[in-house]
């Protein structure tokens, strides 16, 4: 028996609040809704993070 993945439906993208690392050398970021802290530090380099908005695939 063969399983075909076939074409997938496109995932809608929405404006999403995120925390973004302030370090020039780091690309770390996380969705605000997945943060456990009021002002999280970057999990990759431990720098401070700032809030911004990105257009990302919708997570339900």
Protein backbone atom coordinates (compact mmCIF):
# COMPACT_ATOMS: atom_id res chain seq x y z
CA UNK A 1 0.00 0.00 0.00
CA UNK A 2 1.32 3.42 -0.93
CA UNK A 3 0.60 6.69 0.83
CA UNK A 4 0.70 9.91 -1.15
CA UNK A 5 1.20 13.20 0.62
CA UNK A 6 -0.21 15.06 -2.36
CA UNK A 7 -0.49 18.83 -2.49
CA UNK A 8 -1.06 20.45 0.88
CA UNK A 9 -3.44 23.33 1.46
CA UNK A 10 -1.59 26.61 1.99
CA UNK A 11 -1.35 27.64 5.65
CA UNK A 12 -2.79 31.13 6.23
CA UNK A 13 -0.27 33.69 7.51
CA UNK A 14 -1.20 36.20 10.20
CA UNK A 15 0.48 39.09 11.99
CA UNK A 16 1.91 37.63 15.19
CA UNK A 17 3.46 39.28 18.25
CA UNK A 18 6.96 37.90 18.85
CA UNK A 19 9.97 38.49 21.07
CA UNK A 20 13.12 39.10 19.00
CA UNK A 21 16.73 38.98 20.27
CA UNK A 22 18.46 42.37 20.42
CA UNK A 23 21.94 40.91 19.75
CA UNK A 24 23.34 41.68 16.28
CA UNK A 25 24.94 38.22 16.08
CA UNK A 26 21.83 36.24 17.07
CA UNK A 27 18.70 35.43 15.04
CA UNK A 28 16.70 34.15 18.05
CA UNK A 29 12.99 34.87 18.36
CA UNK A 30 9.85 33.29 19.85
CA UNK A 31 6.12 33.77 19.61
CA UNK A 32 4.85 35.96 22.44
CA UNK A 33 2.15 33.40 23.26
CA UNK A 34 4.86 30.76 23.92
CA UNK A 35 6.81 32.93 26.35
CA UNK A 36 6.54 32.20 30.08
CA UNK A 37 8.09 35.50 31.18
CA UNK A 38 6.98 39.14 31.05
CA UNK A 39 10.38 40.09 29.59
CA UNK A 40 12.14 36.93 28.42
CA UNK A 41 15.84 36.58 27.67
CA UNK A 42 17.00 34.93 24.47
CA UNK A 43 17.14 31.14 24.94
CA UNK A 44 20.09 30.97 22.51
CA UNK A 45 22.46 33.71 23.69
CA UNK A 46 20.75 35.06 26.87
CA UNK A 47 20.57 38.66 25.55
CA UNK A 48 17.55 40.87 26.15
CA UNK A 49 14.63 40.62 23.74
CA UNK A 50 12.28 43.22 22.25
CA UNK A 51 8.70 42.92 21.06
CA UNK A 52 7.89 43.12 17.36
CA UNK A 53 5.28 41.88 14.88
CA UNK A 54 6.02 39.31 12.16
CA UNK A 55 3.83 37.67 9.53
CA UNK A 56 3.98 33.95 10.36
CA UNK A 57 1.99 30.80 9.54
CA UNK A 58 -1.10 30.58 11.74
CA UNK A 59 -0.86 28.21 14.72
CA UNK A 60 -4.14 26.87 16.03
